[in-house]
Amino acid sequence: MEGNSTPVPQQALAALVDTFVKQGHPPQYAQAIATSIIFQTDLDLRNAQIARLLSWLKEEHNDIYASALDIVEKTCTEFERRVKDG
């Protein structure tokens, strides 16, 4: 990637904001909804990455699959605890 190029998420955000503004939405609303869409898409991608990695581990490295699954579950539990604790 070139040093001066805009990262893809920023380009997507700008394009979505522009589309919503052209549809008549106020700029603040357009920014908020576009940000939400980009954020959800990023979460979906990360979930797909983890699912694919776990599937690959199960098929190709079954000996460590259970440990990897345990790490994923512990990460979830730790995250939930931190959110609850604030």
PDB file of N, CA and C in Angstrom:
ATOM      1  N   MET A   1       0.822  -1.174   0.000  1.00  0.00           N
ATOM      2  CA  MET A   1       0.000   0.000   0.000  1.00  0.00           C
ATOM      3  C   MET A   1       0.872   1.245   0.000  1.00  0.00           C
ATOM      4  N   GLU A   2       0.478   2.241  -0.736  1.00  0.00           N
ATOM      5  CA  GLU A   2       1.233   3.477  -0.782  1.00  0.00           C
ATOM      6  C   GLU A   2       1.008   4.263   0.499  1.00  0.00           C
ATOM      7  N   GLY A   3       1.976   5.043   0.891  1.00  0.00           N
ATOM      8  CA  GLY A   3       1.900   5.822   2.106  1.00  0.00           C
ATOM      9  C   GLY A   3       0.784   6.851   2.114  1.00  0.00           C
ATOM     10  N   ASN A   4       0.405   7.368   0.958  1.00  0.00           N
ATOM     11  CA  ASN A   4      -0.598   8.422   0.879  1.00  0.00           C
ATOM     12  C   ASN A   4      -2.003   7.899   0.631  1.00  0.00           C
ATOM     13  N   SER A   5      -2.178   6.625   0.432  1.00  0.00           N
ATOM     14  CA  SER A   5      -3.500   6.107   0.118  1.00  0.00           C
ATOM     15  C   SER A   5      -4.373   6.053   1.369  1.00  0.00           C
ATOM     16  N   THR A   6      -5.670   6.227   1.162  1.00  0.00           N
ATOM     17  CA  THR A   6      -6.629   6.175   2.258  1.00  0.00           C
ATOM     18  C   THR A   6      -6.983   4.724   2.524  1.00  0.00           C
ATOM     19  N   PRO A   7      -6.964   4.296   3.789  1.00  0.00           N
ATOM     20  CA  PRO A   7      -7.329   2.912   4.103  1.00  0.00           C
ATOM     21  C   PRO A   7      -8.745   2.592   3.627  1.00  0.00           C
ATOM     22  N   VAL A   8      -8.948   1.346   3.273  1.00  0.00           N
ATOM     23  CA  VAL A   8     -10.233   0.899   2.728  1.00  0.00           C
ATOM     24  C   VAL A   8     -11.415   1.231   3.644  1.00  0.00           C
ATOM     25  N   PRO A   9     -11.324   0.973   4.976  1.00  0.00           N
ATOM     26  CA  PRO A   9     -12.475   1.327   5.818  1.00  0.00           C
ATOM     27  C   PRO A   9     -12.822   2.817   5.757  1.00  0.00           C
ATOM     28  N   GLN A  10     -11.839   3.677   5.674  1.00  0.00           N
ATOM     29  CA  GLN A  10     -12.112   5.113   5.578  1.00  0.00           C
ATOM     30  C   GLN A  10     -12.761   5.453   4.245  1.00  0.00           C
ATOM     31  N   GLN A  11     -12.314   4.794   3.182  1.00  0.00           N
ATOM     32  CA  GLN A  11     -12.917   5.012   1.867  1.00  0.00           C
ATOM     33  C   GLN A  11     -14.365   4.528   1.871  1.00  0.00           C
ATOM     34  N   ALA A  12     -14.590   3.364   2.468  1.00  0.00           N
ATOM     35  CA  ALA A  12     -15.952   2.814   2.539  1.00  0.00           C
ATOM     36  C   ALA A  12     -16.844   3.720   3.373  1.00  0.00           C
ATOM     37  N   LEU A  13     -16.323   4.203   4.482  1.00  0.00           N
ATOM     38  CA  LEU A  13     -17.087   5.102   5.343  1.00  0.00           C
ATOM     39  C   LEU A  13     -17.476   6.366   4.584  1.00  0.00           C
ATOM     40  N   ALA A  14     -16.518   6.960   3.900  1.00  0.00           N
ATOM     41  CA  ALA A  14     -16.796   8.182   3.146  1.00  0.00           C
ATOM     42  C   ALA A  14     -17.836   7.935   2.052  1.00  0.00           C
ATOM     43  N   ALA A  15     -17.719   6.797   1.381  1.00  0.00           N
ATOM     44  CA  ALA A  15     -18.675   6.473   0.317  1.00  0.00           C
ATOM     45  C   ALA A  15     -20.077   6.247   0.880  1.00  0.00           C
ATOM     46  N   LEU A  16     -20.160   5.547   2.010  1.00  0.00           N
ATOM     47  CA  LEU A  16     -21.468   5.317   2.625  1.00  0.00           C
ATOM     48  C   LEU A  16     -22.096   6.617   3.122  1.00  0.00           C
ATOM     49  N   VAL A  17     -21.292   7.452   3.773  1.00  0.00           N
ATOM     50  CA  VAL A  17     -21.807   8.746   4.248  1.00  0.00           C
ATOM     51  C   VAL A  17     -22.336   9.550   3.058  1.00  0.00           C
ATOM     52  N   ASP A  18     -21.562   9.601   1.990  1.00  0.00           N
ATOM     53  CA  ASP A  18     -21.968  10.327   0.788  1.00  0.00           C
ATOM     54  C   ASP A  18     -23.284   9.781   0.239  1.00  0.00           C
ATOM     55  N   THR A  19     -23.416   8.470   0.203  1.00  0.00           N
ATOM     56  CA  THR A  19     -24.649   7.846  -0.304  1.00  0.00           C
ATOM     57  C   THR A  19     -25.843   8.227   0.563  1.00  0.00           C
ATOM     58  N   PHE A  20     -25.683   8.156   1.875  1.00  0.00           N
ATOM     59  CA  PHE A  20     -26.795   8.494   2.762  1.00  0.00           C
ATOM     60  C   PHE A  20     -27.161   9.976   2.684  1.00  0.00           C
ATOM     61  N   VAL A  21     -26.163  10.832   2.563  1.00  0.00           N
ATOM     62  CA  VAL A  21     -26.431  12.260   2.423  1.00  0.00           C
ATOM     63  C   VAL A  21     -27.185  12.518   1.116  1.00  0.00           C
ATOM     64  N   LYS A  22     -26.762  11.868   0.036  1.00  0.00           N
ATOM     65  CA  LYS A  22     -27.449  12.025  -1.253  1.00  0.00           C
ATOM     66  C   LYS A  22     -28.885  11.524  -1.190  1.00  0.00           C
ATOM     67  N   GLN A  23     -29.155  10.576  -0.291  1.00  0.00           N
ATOM     68  CA  GLN A  23     -30.520  10.074  -0.108  1.00  0.00           C
ATOM     69  C   GLN A  23     -31.360  11.023   0.745  1.00  0.00           C
ATOM     70  N   GLY A  24     -30.733  12.084   1.250  1.00  0.00           N
ATOM     71  CA  GLY A  24     -31.464  13.090   2.004  1.00  0.00           C
ATOM     72  C   GLY A  24     -31.328  13.012   3.510  1.00  0.00           C
ATOM     73  N   HIS A  25     -30.485  12.133   4.008  1.00  0.00           N
ATOM     74  CA  HIS A  25     -30.287  12.025   5.459  1.00  0.00           C
ATOM     75  C   HIS A  25     -29.363  13.142   5.945  1.00  0.00           C
ATOM     76  N   PRO A  26     -29.599  13.653   7.139  1.00  0.00           N
ATOM     77  CA  PRO A  26     -28.692  14.662   7.691  1.00  0.00           C
ATOM     78  C   PRO A  26     -27.277  14.086   7.832  1.00  0.00           C
ATOM     79  N   PRO A  27     -26.259  14.908   7.643  1.00  0.00           N
ATOM     80  CA  PRO A  27     -24.871  14.416   7.705  1.00  0.00           C
ATOM     81  C   PRO A  27     -24.534  13.665   8.996  1.00  0.00           C
ATOM     82  N   GLN A  28     -25.033  14.136  10.143  1.00  0.00           N
ATOM     83  CA  GLN A  28     -24.726  13.464  11.404  1.00  0.00           C
ATOM     84  C   GLN A  28     -25.320  12.054  11.428  1.00  0.00           C
ATOM     85  N   TYR A  29     -26.561  11.924  10.940  1.00  0.00           N
ATOM     86  CA  TYR A  29     -27.202  10.619  10.873  1.00  0.00           C
ATOM     87  C   TYR A  29     -26.462   9.725   9.886  1.00  0.00           C
ATOM     88  N   ALA A  30     -26.108  10.285   8.753  1.00  0.00           N
ATOM     89  CA  ALA A  30     -25.395   9.524   7.723  1.00  0.00           C
ATOM     90  C   ALA A  30     -24.074   8.992   8.270  1.00  0.00           C
ATOM     91  N   GLN A  31     -23.357   9.817   9.018  1.00  0.00           N
ATOM     92  CA  GLN A  31     -22.080   9.408   9.614  1.00  0.00           C
ATOM     93  C   GLN A  31     -22.296   8.282  10.615  1.00  0.00           C
ATOM     94  N   ALA A  32     -23.311   8.417  11.467  1.00  0.00           N
ATOM     95  CA  ALA A  32     -23.566   7.408  12.497  1.00  0.00           C
ATOM     96  C   ALA A  32     -23.961   6.065  11.892  1.00  0.00           C
ATOM     97  N   ILE A  33     -24.851   6.070  10.936  1.00  0.00           N
ATOM     98  CA  ILE A  33     -25.310   4.806  10.345  1.00  0.00           C
ATOM     99  C   ILE A  33     -24.199   4.165   9.508  1.00  0.00           C
ATOM    100  N   ALA A  34     -23.424   4.969   8.817  1.00  0.00           N
ATOM    101  CA  ALA A  34     -22.307   4.429   8.033  1.00  0.00           C
ATOM    102  C   ALA A  34     -21.261   3.810   8.950  1.00  0.00           C
ATOM    103  N   THR A  35     -20.972   4.468  10.064  1.00  0.00           N
ATOM    104  CA  THR A  35     -20.017   3.932  11.030  1.00  0.00           C
ATOM    105  C   THR A  35     -20.516   2.607  11.585  1.00  0.00           C
ATOM    106  N   SER A  36     -21.799   2.541  11.872  1.00  0.00           N
ATOM    107  CA  SER A  36     -22.398   1.312  12.381  1.00  0.00           C
ATOM    108  C   SER A  36     -22.276   0.170  11.369  1.00  0.00           C
ATOM    109  N   ILE A  37     -22.507   0.464  10.120  1.00  0.00           N
ATOM    110  CA  ILE A  37     -22.408  -0.561   9.070  1.00  0.00           C
ATOM    111  C   ILE A  37     -20.964  -1.061   8.946  1.00  0.00           C
ATOM    112  N   ILE A  38     -20.006  -0.146   8.937  1.00  0.00           N
ATOM    113  CA  ILE A  38     -18.594  -0.537   8.834  1.00  0.00           C
ATOM    114  C   ILE A  38     -18.190  -1.375  10.042  1.00  0.00           C
ATOM    115  N   PHE A  39     -18.608  -0.950  11.228  1.00  0.00           N
ATOM    116  CA  PHE A  39     -18.284  -1.678  12.457  1.00  0.00           C
ATOM    117  C   PHE A  39     -18.862  -3.092  12.414  1.00  0.00           C
ATOM    118  N   GLN A  40     -20.128  -3.232  12.018  1.00  0.00           N
ATOM    119  CA  GLN A  40     -20.767  -4.554  11.958  1.00  0.00           C
ATOM    120  C   GLN A  40     -20.081  -5.442  10.922  1.00  0.00           C
ATOM    121  N   THR A  41     -19.715  -4.864   9.803  1.00  0.00           N
ATOM    122  CA  THR A  41     -19.018  -5.633   8.763  1.00  0.00           C
ATOM    123  C   THR A  41     -17.676  -6.131   9.276  1.00  0.00           C
ATOM    124  N   ASP A  42     -16.967  -5.288  10.021  1.00  0.00           N
ATOM    125  CA  ASP A  42     -15.688  -5.687  10.598  1.00  0.00           C
ATOM    126  C   ASP A  42     -15.879  -6.821  11.601  1.00  0.00           C
ATOM    127  N   LEU A  43     -16.918  -6.726  12.435  1.00  0.00           N
ATOM    128  CA  LEU A  43     -17.210  -7.815  13.383  1.00  0.00           C
ATOM    129  C   LEU A  43     -17.527  -9.118  12.650  1.00  0.00           C
ATOM    130  N   ASP A  44     -18.313  -9.022  11.584  1.00  0.00           N
ATOM    131  CA  ASP A  44     -18.647 -10.215  10.804  1.00  0.00           C
ATOM    132  C   ASP A  44     -17.397 -10.856  10.209  1.00  0.00           C
ATOM    133  N   LEU A  45     -16.497 -10.015   9.700  1.00  0.00           N
ATOM    134  CA  LEU A  45     -15.243 -10.528   9.140  1.00  0.00           C
ATOM    135  C   LEU A  45     -14.418 -11.226  10.214  1.00  0.00           C
ATOM    136  N   ARG A  46     -14.285 -10.624  11.370  1.00  0.00           N
ATOM    137  CA  ARG A  46     -13.491 -11.231  12.447  1.00  0.00           C
ATOM    138  C   ARG A  46     -14.110 -12.539  12.923  1.00  0.00           C
ATOM    139  N   ASN A  47     -15.428 -12.592  13.010  1.00  0.00           N
ATOM    140  CA  ASN A  47     -16.087 -13.840  13.384  1.00  0.00           C
ATOM    141  C   ASN A  47     -15.829 -14.933  12.345  1.00  0.00           C
ATOM    142  N   ALA A  48     -15.884 -14.556  11.077  1.00  0.00           N
ATOM    143  CA  ALA A  48     -15.614 -15.524  10.012  1.00  0.00           C
ATOM    144  C   ALA A  48     -14.169 -16.008  10.069  1.00  0.00           C
ATOM    145  N   GLN A  49     -13.241 -15.112  10.371  1.00  0.00           N
ATOM    146  CA  GLN A  49     -11.835 -15.490  10.477  1.00  0.00           C
ATOM    147  C   GLN A  49     -11.626 -16.499  11.601  1.00  0.00           C
ATOM    148  N   ILE A  50     -12.211 -16.240  12.764  1.00  0.00           N
ATOM    149  CA  ILE A  50     -12.060 -17.157  13.901  1.00  0.00           C
ATOM    150  C   ILE A  50     -12.705 -18.498  13.582  1.00  0.00           C
ATOM    151  N   ALA A  51     -13.896 -18.471  12.994  1.00  0.00           N
ATOM    152  CA  ALA A  51     -14.583 -19.713  12.654  1.00  0.00           C
ATOM    153  C   ALA A  51     -13.765 -20.536  11.654  1.00  0.00           C
ATOM    154  N   ARG A  52     -13.214 -19.868  10.659  1.00  0.00           N
ATOM    155  CA  ARG A  52     -12.407 -20.574   9.656  1.00  0.00           C
ATOM    156  C   ARG A  52     -11.135 -21.144  10.271  1.00  0.00           C
ATOM    157  N   LEU A  53     -10.486 -20.351  11.123  1.00  0.00           N
ATOM    158  CA  LEU A  53      -9.273 -20.826  11.782  1.00  0.00           C
ATOM    159  C   LEU A  53      -9.569 -22.039  12.659  1.00  0.00           C
ATOM    160  N   LEU A  54     -10.641 -21.989  13.434  1.00  0.00           N
ATOM    161  CA  LEU A  54     -10.998 -23.124  14.283  1.00  0.00           C
ATOM    162  C   LEU A  54     -11.347 -24.351  13.447  1.00  0.00           C
ATOM    163  N   SER A  55     -12.044 -24.143  12.362  1.00  0.00           N
ATOM    164  CA  SER A  55     -12.377 -25.259  11.469  1.00  0.00           C
ATOM    165  C   SER A  55     -11.119 -25.889  10.885  1.00  0.00           C
ATOM    166  N   TRP A  56     -10.183 -25.052  10.468  1.00  0.00           N
ATOM    167  CA  TRP A  56      -8.915 -25.546   9.925  1.00  0.00           C
ATOM    168  C   TRP A  56      -8.140 -26.312  10.993  1.00  0.00           C
ATOM    169  N   LEU A  57      -8.093 -25.761  12.204  1.00  0.00           N
ATOM    170  CA  LEU A  57      -7.402 -26.466  13.286  1.00  0.00           C
ATOM    171  C   LEU A  57      -8.035 -27.825  13.551  1.00  0.00           C
ATOM    172  N   LYS A  58      -9.347 -27.875  13.541  1.00  0.00           N
ATOM    173  CA  LYS A  58     -10.045 -29.137  13.801  1.00  0.00           C
ATOM    174  C   LYS A  58      -9.695 -30.182  12.736  1.00  0.00           C
ATOM    175  N   GLU A  59      -9.624 -29.732  11.492  1.00  0.00           N
ATOM    176  CA  GLU A  59      -9.343 -30.654  10.384  1.00  0.00           C
ATOM    177  C   GLU A  59      -7.862 -31.017  10.267  1.00  0.00           C
ATOM    178  N   GLU A  60      -6.989 -30.034  10.431  1.00  0.00           N
ATOM    179  CA  GLU A  60      -5.569 -30.235  10.156  1.00  0.00           C
ATOM    180  C   GLU A  60      -4.698 -30.456  11.394  1.00  0.00           C
ATOM    181  N   HIS A  61      -5.159 -29.976  12.526  1.00  0.00           N
ATOM    182  CA  HIS A  61      -4.355 -30.060  13.749  1.00  0.00           C
ATOM    183  C   HIS A  61      -5.267 -30.376  14.933  1.00  0.00           C
ATOM    184  N   ASN A  62      -5.961 -31.457  14.820  1.00  0.00           N
ATOM    185  CA  ASN A  62      -6.948 -31.825  15.836  1.00  0.00           C
ATOM    186  C   ASN A  62      -6.337 -31.940  17.234  1.00  0.00           C
ATOM    187  N   ASP A  63      -5.044 -32.218  17.283  1.00  0.00           N
ATOM    188  CA  ASP A  63      -4.371 -32.360  18.577  1.00  0.00           C
ATOM    189  C   ASP A  63      -4.346 -31.053  19.382  1.00  0.00           C
ATOM    190  N   ILE A  64      -4.418 -29.913  18.712  1.00  0.00           N
ATOM    191  CA  ILE A  64      -4.439 -28.632  19.437  1.00  0.00           C
ATOM    192  C   ILE A  64      -5.788 -27.913  19.341  1.00  0.00           C
ATOM    193  N   TYR A  65      -6.730 -28.508  18.627  1.00  0.00           N
ATOM    194  CA  TYR A  65      -8.042 -27.880  18.441  1.00  0.00           C
ATOM    195  C   TYR A  65      -8.726 -27.589  19.775  1.00  0.00           C
ATOM    196  N   ALA A  66      -8.746 -28.533  20.676  1.00  0.00           N
ATOM    197  CA  ALA A  66      -9.418 -28.346  21.968  1.00  0.00           C
ATOM    198  C   ALA A  66      -8.778 -27.202  22.750  1.00  0.00           C
ATOM    199  N   SER A  67      -7.466 -27.098  22.696  1.00  0.00           N
ATOM    200  CA  SER A  67      -6.775 -25.999  23.386  1.00  0.00           C
ATOM    201  C   SER A  67      -7.129 -24.657  22.764  1.00  0.00           C
ATOM    202  N   ALA A  68      -7.188 -24.618  21.448  1.00  0.00           N
ATOM    203  CA  ALA A  68      -7.541 -23.374  20.757  1.00  0.00           C
ATOM    204  C   ALA A  68      -8.969 -22.959  21.092  1.00  0.00           C
ATOM    205  N   LEU A  69      -9.868 -23.917  21.102  1.00  0.00           N
ATOM    206  CA  LEU A  69     -11.258 -23.636  21.450  1.00  0.00           C
ATOM    207  C   LEU A  69     -11.358 -23.123  22.885  1.00  0.00           C
ATOM    208  N   ASP A  70     -10.573 -23.696  23.765  1.00  0.00           N
ATOM    209  CA  ASP A  70     -10.546 -23.255  25.160  1.00  0.00           C
ATOM    210  C   ASP A  70     -10.057 -21.811  25.266  1.00  0.00           C
ATOM    211  N   ILE A  71      -9.044 -21.464  24.501  1.00  0.00           N
ATOM    212  CA  ILE A  71      -8.528 -20.087  24.501  1.00  0.00           C
ATOM    213  C   ILE A  71      -9.605 -19.117  24.025  1.00  0.00           C
ATOM    214  N   VAL A  72     -10.316 -19.487  22.976  1.00  0.00           N
ATOM    215  CA  VAL A  72     -11.393 -18.639  22.460  1.00  0.00           C
ATOM    216  C   VAL A  72     -12.467 -18.440  23.530  1.00  0.00           C
ATOM    217  N   GLU A  73     -12.861 -19.505  24.190  1.00  0.00           N
ATOM    218  CA  GLU A  73     -13.886 -19.424  25.234  1.00  0.00           C
ATOM    219  C   GLU A  73     -13.402 -18.598  26.427  1.00  0.00           C
ATOM    220  N   LYS A  74     -12.153 -18.780  26.833  1.00  0.00           N
ATOM    221  CA  LYS A  74     -11.611 -17.999  27.948  1.00  0.00           C
ATOM    222  C   LYS A  74     -11.551 -16.515  27.589  1.00  0.00           C
ATOM    223  N   THR A  75     -11.216 -16.218  26.346  1.00  0.00           N
ATOM    224  CA  THR A  75     -11.176 -14.829  25.899  1.00  0.00           C
ATOM    225  C   THR A  75     -12.566 -14.214  25.981  1.00  0.00           C
ATOM    226  N   CYS A  76     -13.561 -14.960  25.578  1.00  0.00           N
ATOM    227  CA  CYS A  76     -14.945 -14.485  25.656  1.00  0.00           C
ATOM    228  C   CYS A  76     -15.353 -14.228  27.101  1.00  0.00           C
ATOM    229  N   THR A  77     -15.052 -15.164  27.966  1.00  0.00           N
ATOM    230  CA  THR A  77     -15.396 -15.030  29.384  1.00  0.00           C
ATOM    231  C   THR A  77     -14.690 -13.830  29.996  1.00  0.00           C
ATOM    232  N   GLU A  78     -13.410 -13.667  29.693  1.00  0.00           N
ATOM    233  CA  GLU A  78     -12.638 -12.539  30.227  1.00  0.00           C
ATOM    234  C   GLU A  78     -13.196 -11.211  29.726  1.00  0.00           C
ATOM    235  N   PHE A  79     -13.533 -11.164  28.456  1.00  0.00           N
ATOM    236  CA  PHE A  79     -14.088  -9.940  27.883  1.00  0.00           C
ATOM    237  C   PHE A  79     -15.422  -9.589  28.554  1.00  0.00           C
ATOM    238  N   GLU A  80     -16.289 -10.574  28.710  1.00  0.00           N
ATOM    239  CA  GLU A  80     -17.578 -10.347  29.356  1.00  0.00           C
ATOM    240  C   GLU A  80     -17.396  -9.859  30.789  1.00  0.00           C
ATOM    241  N   ARG A  81     -16.427 -10.401  31.479  1.00  0.00           N
ATOM    242  CA  ARG A  81     -16.144  -9.986  32.863  1.00  0.00           C
ATOM    243  C   ARG A  81     -15.688  -8.527  32.888  1.00  0.00           C
ATOM    244  N   ARG A  82     -14.789  -8.169  31.959  1.00  0.00           N
ATOM    245  CA  ARG A  82     -14.285  -6.785  31.914  1.00  0.00           C
ATOM    246  C   ARG A  82     -15.392  -5.807  31.578  1.00  0.00           C
ATOM    247  N   VAL A  83     -16.290  -6.193  30.685  1.00  0.00           N
ATOM    248  CA  VAL A  83     -17.417  -5.314  30.342  1.00  0.00           C
ATOM    249  C   VAL A  83     -18.323  -5.139  31.559  1.00  0.00           C
ATOM    250  N   LYS A  84     -18.596  -6.247  32.241  1.00  0.00           N
ATOM    251  CA  LYS A  84     -19.451  -6.200  33.439  1.00  0.00           C
ATOM    252  C   LYS A  84     -18.822  -5.344  34.527  1.00  0.00           C
ATOM    253  N   ASP A  85     -17.516  -5.484  34.732  1.00  0.00           N
ATOM    254  CA  ASP A  85     -16.814  -4.740  35.772  1.00  0.00           C
ATOM    255  C   ASP A  85     -16.607  -3.267  35.401  1.00  0.00           C
ATOM    256  N   GLY A  86     -16.732  -2.980  34.131  1.00  0.00           N
ATOM    257  CA  GLY A  86     -16.577  -1.594  33.674  1.00  0.00           C
ATOM    258  C   GLY A  86     -15.173  -1.228  33.536  1.00  0.00           C
TER     259      GLY A  86
END
